[in-house]
N, C-alpha and C. Protein backbone atom coordinates (compact mmCIF):
# COMPACT_ATOMS: atom_id res chain seq x y z
N MET A 1 -194.27 -10.07 -56.02
CA MET A 1 -192.98 -10.66 -55.72
C MET A 1 -192.29 -9.83 -54.64
N ASN A 2 -191.34 -10.43 -53.95
CA ASN A 2 -190.66 -9.76 -52.84
C ASN A 2 -189.23 -9.42 -53.20
N ILE A 3 -188.77 -8.30 -52.65
CA ILE A 3 -187.38 -7.90 -52.86
C ILE A 3 -186.76 -7.53 -51.52
N PHE A 4 -185.52 -8.00 -51.33
CA PHE A 4 -184.74 -7.68 -50.14
C PHE A 4 -183.83 -6.52 -50.51
N VAL A 5 -183.95 -5.41 -49.77
CA VAL A 5 -183.10 -4.24 -50.01
C VAL A 5 -182.24 -4.00 -48.77
N TYR A 6 -181.03 -3.52 -48.99
CA TYR A 6 -180.05 -3.43 -47.89
C TYR A 6 -179.31 -2.11 -47.85
N GLY A 7 -179.65 -1.19 -48.74
CA GLY A 7 -178.89 0.06 -48.81
C GLY A 7 -179.78 1.26 -49.04
N THR A 8 -179.54 1.94 -50.16
CA THR A 8 -180.22 3.21 -50.42
C THR A 8 -181.70 3.06 -50.74
N LEU A 9 -182.20 1.83 -50.86
CA LEU A 9 -183.62 1.60 -51.09
C LEU A 9 -184.39 1.39 -49.79
N LYS A 10 -183.68 1.26 -48.66
CA LYS A 10 -184.34 1.07 -47.38
C LYS A 10 -185.13 2.31 -46.98
N ARG A 11 -186.08 2.13 -46.08
CA ARG A 11 -186.86 3.27 -45.57
C ARG A 11 -185.92 4.31 -44.97
N GLY A 12 -186.19 5.57 -45.25
CA GLY A 12 -185.37 6.65 -44.73
C GLY A 12 -184.14 6.96 -45.56
N HIS A 13 -183.92 6.23 -46.65
CA HIS A 13 -182.76 6.44 -47.51
C HIS A 13 -183.20 7.06 -48.84
N ARG A 14 -182.25 7.61 -49.56
CA ARG A 14 -182.54 8.45 -50.72
C ARG A 14 -183.31 7.79 -51.86
N ASN A 15 -183.17 6.49 -52.08
CA ASN A 15 -183.86 5.85 -53.21
C ASN A 15 -185.13 5.11 -52.81
N ASN A 16 -185.53 5.22 -51.55
CA ASN A 16 -186.74 4.53 -51.10
C ASN A 16 -187.99 5.04 -51.82
N ARG A 17 -187.93 6.25 -52.38
CA ARG A 17 -189.07 6.80 -53.12
C ARG A 17 -189.53 5.87 -54.24
N LEU A 18 -188.61 5.05 -54.78
CA LEU A 18 -188.97 4.10 -55.84
C LEU A 18 -189.87 2.99 -55.32
N LEU A 19 -189.94 2.84 -54.00
CA LEU A 19 -190.79 1.81 -53.39
C LEU A 19 -192.05 2.42 -52.76
N ALA A 20 -192.37 3.65 -53.13
CA ALA A 20 -193.50 4.37 -52.52
C ALA A 20 -194.83 3.64 -52.69
N THR A 21 -195.02 2.94 -53.79
CA THR A 21 -196.28 2.22 -54.02
C THR A 21 -196.19 0.75 -53.63
N SER A 22 -195.08 0.36 -53.02
CA SER A 22 -194.87 -1.03 -52.63
C SER A 22 -195.24 -1.22 -51.16
N THR A 23 -195.44 -2.47 -50.77
CA THR A 23 -195.81 -2.80 -49.40
C THR A 23 -194.59 -3.23 -48.61
N PHE A 24 -194.34 -2.57 -47.49
CA PHE A 24 -193.26 -2.97 -46.59
C PHE A 24 -193.68 -4.26 -45.91
N VAL A 25 -192.86 -5.31 -46.02
CA VAL A 25 -193.16 -6.61 -45.41
C VAL A 25 -192.53 -6.71 -44.04
N GLY A 26 -191.25 -6.28 -43.92
CA GLY A 26 -190.60 -6.32 -42.63
C GLY A 26 -189.09 -6.28 -42.74
N GLU A 27 -188.45 -6.16 -41.58
CA GLU A 27 -187.00 -6.21 -41.52
C GLU A 27 -186.57 -7.67 -41.64
N ALA A 28 -185.38 -7.87 -42.19
CA ALA A 28 -184.92 -9.24 -42.45
C ALA A 28 -183.40 -9.32 -42.42
N VAL A 29 -182.90 -10.54 -42.40
CA VAL A 29 -181.47 -10.80 -42.40
C VAL A 29 -181.19 -11.96 -43.37
N THR A 30 -180.05 -11.88 -44.05
CA THR A 30 -179.68 -12.94 -44.99
C THR A 30 -179.13 -14.17 -44.26
N ALA A 31 -178.95 -15.23 -45.01
CA ALA A 31 -178.23 -16.41 -44.53
C ALA A 31 -176.78 -15.98 -44.27
N PRO A 32 -175.99 -16.79 -43.55
CA PRO A 32 -174.66 -16.35 -43.11
C PRO A 32 -173.54 -16.41 -44.13
N TYR A 33 -173.82 -16.23 -45.40
CA TYR A 33 -172.73 -16.25 -46.39
C TYR A 33 -172.75 -15.03 -47.31
N TRP A 34 -173.09 -13.89 -46.71
CA TRP A 34 -173.06 -12.62 -47.44
C TRP A 34 -172.34 -11.57 -46.60
N ARG A 35 -171.81 -10.58 -47.26
CA ARG A 35 -171.18 -9.44 -46.60
C ARG A 35 -171.60 -8.19 -47.36
N LEU A 36 -171.53 -7.06 -46.67
CA LEU A 36 -171.89 -5.80 -47.27
C LEU A 36 -170.63 -4.95 -47.40
N GLY A 37 -170.23 -4.73 -48.65
CA GLY A 37 -169.08 -3.88 -48.92
C GLY A 37 -169.56 -2.48 -49.28
N THR A 38 -168.63 -1.54 -49.27
CA THR A 38 -168.99 -0.17 -49.63
C THR A 38 -167.94 0.43 -50.56
N CYS A 39 -168.44 1.28 -51.44
CA CYS A 39 -167.51 2.09 -52.24
C CYS A 39 -167.76 3.56 -51.95
N GLY A 40 -168.30 3.83 -50.76
CA GLY A 40 -168.48 5.21 -50.31
C GLY A 40 -169.93 5.59 -50.15
N SER A 41 -170.61 5.87 -51.26
CA SER A 41 -171.97 6.39 -51.16
C SER A 41 -173.07 5.33 -51.28
N PHE A 42 -172.68 4.10 -51.55
CA PHE A 42 -173.69 3.04 -51.62
C PHE A 42 -173.02 1.68 -51.33
N PRO A 43 -173.83 0.71 -50.88
CA PRO A 43 -173.30 -0.61 -50.54
C PRO A 43 -173.40 -1.59 -51.69
N ILE A 44 -172.63 -2.67 -51.56
CA ILE A 44 -172.63 -3.74 -52.55
C ILE A 44 -172.71 -5.06 -51.80
N LEU A 45 -173.71 -5.88 -52.10
CA LEU A 45 -173.82 -7.20 -51.51
C LEU A 45 -172.84 -8.13 -52.21
N GLN A 46 -171.99 -8.79 -51.43
CA GLN A 46 -170.98 -9.70 -51.97
C GLN A 46 -171.01 -11.01 -51.19
N ARG A 47 -170.55 -12.07 -51.84
CA ARG A 47 -170.39 -13.34 -51.12
C ARG A 47 -169.35 -13.14 -50.04
N GLY A 48 -169.58 -13.72 -48.89
CA GLY A 48 -168.65 -13.58 -47.79
C GLY A 48 -169.22 -14.24 -46.55
N LYS A 49 -168.60 -13.96 -45.44
CA LYS A 49 -169.02 -14.57 -44.19
C LYS A 49 -169.75 -13.54 -43.35
N GLY A 50 -171.00 -13.79 -43.09
CA GLY A 50 -171.78 -12.89 -42.25
C GLY A 50 -173.22 -12.81 -42.68
N HIS A 51 -174.01 -12.11 -41.89
CA HIS A 51 -175.41 -11.84 -42.18
C HIS A 51 -175.53 -10.37 -42.56
N VAL A 52 -176.33 -10.09 -43.57
CA VAL A 52 -176.59 -8.70 -43.97
C VAL A 52 -178.01 -8.36 -43.56
N TYR A 53 -178.17 -7.18 -42.97
CA TYR A 53 -179.46 -6.74 -42.47
C TYR A 53 -180.11 -5.78 -43.45
N GLY A 54 -181.42 -5.96 -43.66
CA GLY A 54 -182.14 -5.11 -44.60
C GLY A 54 -183.64 -5.19 -44.39
N GLU A 55 -184.37 -4.92 -45.48
CA GLU A 55 -185.83 -4.88 -45.44
C GLU A 55 -186.40 -5.58 -46.66
N VAL A 56 -187.61 -6.10 -46.49
CA VAL A 56 -188.32 -6.77 -47.59
C VAL A 56 -189.54 -5.94 -47.96
N PHE A 57 -189.74 -5.78 -49.26
CA PHE A 57 -190.92 -5.11 -49.81
C PHE A 57 -191.58 -6.01 -50.84
N LYS A 58 -192.89 -5.93 -50.91
CA LYS A 58 -193.64 -6.61 -51.97
C LYS A 58 -193.78 -5.60 -53.10
N VAL A 59 -193.30 -5.97 -54.30
CA VAL A 59 -193.29 -5.05 -55.44
C VAL A 59 -194.02 -5.66 -56.63
N ASN A 60 -194.44 -4.80 -57.54
CA ASN A 60 -195.03 -5.28 -58.80
C ASN A 60 -193.96 -5.26 -59.89
N ARG A 61 -194.31 -5.75 -61.06
CA ARG A 61 -193.33 -5.86 -62.16
C ARG A 61 -192.81 -4.49 -62.62
N THR A 62 -193.67 -3.50 -62.63
CA THR A 62 -193.24 -2.15 -63.03
C THR A 62 -192.18 -1.63 -62.08
N THR A 63 -192.41 -1.78 -60.79
CA THR A 63 -191.42 -1.33 -59.80
C THR A 63 -190.13 -2.12 -59.94
N LEU A 64 -190.24 -3.42 -60.16
CA LEU A 64 -189.03 -4.24 -60.32
C LEU A 64 -188.21 -3.77 -61.52
N ARG A 65 -188.87 -3.42 -62.61
CA ARG A 65 -188.15 -2.90 -63.79
C ARG A 65 -187.44 -1.58 -63.46
N ARG A 66 -188.10 -0.72 -62.68
CA ARG A 66 -187.47 0.55 -62.28
C ARG A 66 -186.25 0.30 -61.39
N LEU A 67 -186.38 -0.67 -60.49
CA LEU A 67 -185.25 -1.02 -59.62
C LEU A 67 -184.11 -1.59 -60.45
N ASP A 68 -184.43 -2.42 -61.44
CA ASP A 68 -183.39 -2.97 -62.34
C ASP A 68 -182.62 -1.84 -63.02
N GLN A 69 -183.34 -0.81 -63.44
CA GLN A 69 -182.68 0.34 -64.09
C GLN A 69 -181.76 1.06 -63.11
N LEU A 70 -182.27 1.33 -61.91
CA LEU A 70 -181.46 2.01 -60.91
C LEU A 70 -180.19 1.24 -60.60
N GLU A 71 -180.30 -0.06 -60.45
CA GLU A 71 -179.17 -0.90 -60.03
C GLU A 71 -178.25 -1.29 -61.18
N GLY A 72 -178.61 -0.93 -62.40
CA GLY A 72 -177.77 -1.32 -63.54
C GLY A 72 -177.74 -2.84 -63.67
N GLU A 73 -178.92 -3.46 -63.52
CA GLU A 73 -179.02 -4.92 -63.53
C GLU A 73 -178.42 -5.49 -64.81
N GLY A 74 -177.56 -6.47 -64.62
CA GLY A 74 -176.86 -7.09 -65.74
C GLY A 74 -175.48 -6.49 -65.99
N GLU A 75 -175.23 -5.35 -65.38
CA GLU A 75 -173.93 -4.69 -65.52
C GLU A 75 -173.26 -4.56 -64.16
N MET A 76 -173.70 -3.56 -63.38
CA MET A 76 -173.09 -3.33 -62.06
C MET A 76 -173.58 -4.34 -61.02
N TYR A 77 -174.85 -4.68 -61.12
CA TYR A 77 -175.47 -5.62 -60.19
C TYR A 77 -176.18 -6.71 -60.97
N LEU A 78 -176.31 -7.86 -60.34
CA LEU A 78 -177.08 -8.97 -60.89
C LEU A 78 -178.22 -9.26 -59.92
N ARG A 79 -179.42 -9.40 -60.46
CA ARG A 79 -180.57 -9.72 -59.60
C ARG A 79 -180.60 -11.23 -59.35
N HIS A 80 -180.58 -11.60 -58.08
CA HIS A 80 -180.58 -13.00 -57.66
C HIS A 80 -181.72 -13.24 -56.70
N ARG A 81 -182.11 -14.50 -56.57
CA ARG A 81 -183.07 -14.89 -55.54
C ARG A 81 -182.29 -15.49 -54.38
N ILE A 82 -182.60 -15.01 -53.19
CA ILE A 82 -181.94 -15.51 -51.99
C ILE A 82 -183.01 -15.74 -50.91
N TYR A 83 -182.62 -16.45 -49.88
CA TYR A 83 -183.50 -16.62 -48.73
C TYR A 83 -183.10 -15.64 -47.64
N VAL A 84 -184.11 -15.06 -47.01
CA VAL A 84 -183.89 -14.18 -45.85
C VAL A 84 -184.82 -14.64 -44.74
N THR A 85 -184.47 -14.26 -43.53
CA THR A 85 -185.31 -14.55 -42.37
C THR A 85 -185.89 -13.24 -41.86
N LEU A 86 -187.21 -13.19 -41.77
CA LEU A 86 -187.88 -12.02 -41.23
C LEU A 86 -187.77 -12.00 -39.71
N ILE A 87 -188.06 -10.86 -39.10
CA ILE A 87 -187.98 -10.72 -37.65
C ILE A 87 -188.81 -11.76 -36.92
N ASP A 88 -189.96 -12.14 -37.50
CA ASP A 88 -190.83 -13.12 -36.84
C ASP A 88 -190.31 -14.55 -36.97
N GLY A 89 -189.15 -14.71 -37.65
CA GLY A 89 -188.53 -16.03 -37.80
C GLY A 89 -188.92 -16.78 -39.06
N SER A 90 -189.83 -16.22 -39.84
CA SER A 90 -190.23 -16.91 -41.07
C SER A 90 -189.19 -16.72 -42.17
N LEU A 91 -189.04 -17.77 -42.95
CA LEU A 91 -188.09 -17.79 -44.07
C LEU A 91 -188.82 -17.34 -45.32
N MET A 92 -188.18 -16.49 -46.11
CA MET A 92 -188.81 -15.96 -47.32
C MET A 92 -187.79 -15.91 -48.45
N ARG A 93 -188.22 -16.27 -49.64
CA ARG A 93 -187.37 -16.17 -50.82
C ARG A 93 -187.64 -14.83 -51.49
N CYS A 94 -186.58 -14.08 -51.77
CA CYS A 94 -186.71 -12.74 -52.31
C CYS A 94 -185.70 -12.51 -53.43
N TRP A 95 -186.03 -11.55 -54.28
CA TRP A 95 -185.05 -11.01 -55.20
C TRP A 95 -184.16 -10.06 -54.42
N THR A 96 -182.93 -9.90 -54.85
CA THR A 96 -182.03 -8.88 -54.33
C THR A 96 -180.98 -8.59 -55.38
N TYR A 97 -180.18 -7.58 -55.16
CA TYR A 97 -179.13 -7.21 -56.10
C TYR A 97 -177.76 -7.50 -55.50
N VAL A 98 -176.99 -8.32 -56.23
CA VAL A 98 -175.65 -8.73 -55.81
C VAL A 98 -174.66 -8.03 -56.74
N GLY A 99 -173.56 -7.55 -56.19
CA GLY A 99 -172.53 -6.90 -57.00
C GLY A 99 -172.03 -7.82 -58.11
N ALA A 100 -172.02 -7.33 -59.34
CA ALA A 100 -171.54 -8.11 -60.48
C ALA A 100 -170.03 -8.31 -60.37
N PRO A 101 -169.56 -9.56 -60.50
CA PRO A 101 -168.13 -9.83 -60.34
C PRO A 101 -167.22 -9.01 -61.24
N LYS A 102 -167.67 -8.65 -62.45
CA LYS A 102 -166.79 -7.88 -63.34
C LYS A 102 -166.52 -6.48 -62.81
N PHE A 103 -167.40 -5.95 -61.95
CA PHE A 103 -167.17 -4.65 -61.32
C PHE A 103 -166.60 -4.78 -59.92
N TRP A 104 -167.08 -5.76 -59.16
CA TRP A 104 -166.79 -5.85 -57.74
C TRP A 104 -166.16 -7.19 -57.39
N SER A 105 -165.12 -7.60 -58.13
CA SER A 105 -164.51 -8.92 -57.92
C SER A 105 -163.73 -9.00 -56.61
N ASP A 106 -163.10 -7.93 -56.20
CA ASP A 106 -162.35 -7.93 -54.95
C ASP A 106 -163.26 -7.54 -53.79
N PRO A 107 -163.01 -8.11 -52.62
CA PRO A 107 -163.81 -7.67 -51.46
C PRO A 107 -163.59 -6.18 -51.20
N LEU A 108 -164.67 -5.47 -51.05
CA LEU A 108 -164.62 -4.04 -50.75
C LEU A 108 -164.54 -3.85 -49.24
N PRO A 109 -164.20 -2.65 -48.78
CA PRO A 109 -164.23 -2.40 -47.34
C PRO A 109 -165.61 -2.75 -46.79
N GLN A 110 -165.63 -3.48 -45.70
CA GLN A 110 -166.88 -3.97 -45.16
C GLN A 110 -167.62 -2.90 -44.36
N VAL A 111 -168.94 -2.86 -44.55
CA VAL A 111 -169.81 -1.95 -43.80
C VAL A 111 -169.90 -2.47 -42.37
N HIS A 112 -169.77 -1.55 -41.41
CA HIS A 112 -169.83 -1.91 -39.98
C HIS A 112 -171.12 -2.67 -39.68
N ASN A 113 -170.99 -3.84 -39.08
CA ASN A 113 -172.11 -4.71 -38.70
C ASN A 113 -172.98 -5.12 -39.88
N ASN A 114 -172.50 -5.02 -41.10
CA ASN A 114 -173.27 -5.39 -42.30
C ASN A 114 -174.63 -4.73 -42.34
N THR A 115 -174.71 -3.48 -41.83
CA THR A 115 -175.96 -2.73 -41.80
C THR A 115 -175.71 -1.33 -42.36
N TRP A 116 -176.34 -1.00 -43.47
CA TRP A 116 -176.17 0.31 -44.09
C TRP A 116 -176.99 1.34 -43.32
N ARG A 117 -176.36 2.44 -42.97
CA ARG A 117 -177.00 3.51 -42.22
C ARG A 117 -177.13 4.75 -43.11
N ALA A 118 -178.18 5.50 -42.89
CA ALA A 118 -178.38 6.75 -43.65
C ALA A 118 -177.27 7.73 -43.29
N ALA A 119 -176.73 8.40 -44.30
CA ALA A 119 -175.66 9.37 -44.07
C ALA A 119 -176.21 10.73 -43.73
């Protein structure tokens, strides 16, 4: 299965080690109804106007369970399936983590260009 990552799980970021046994598929962008908010040290995908830039990895079930633990799936984040467009123009359906409304109901300060950069 494929997962779209947009923050600390991207290559060169602190949590990418969790994807060490996964296959990098490519860089990708979301459809135009997402925004990337920040609470300082990590980003939160929220509904909004814009494209969010990230990466797609092919993962196995064990890795997906580890990612669910990291993201607090069901609490801080909810795992959703979304469509992204890869650099080559192909459309792909992927899992990703969206900020849970009970934690992130208000729009957070937006990340510049909806692209998370390594600090």
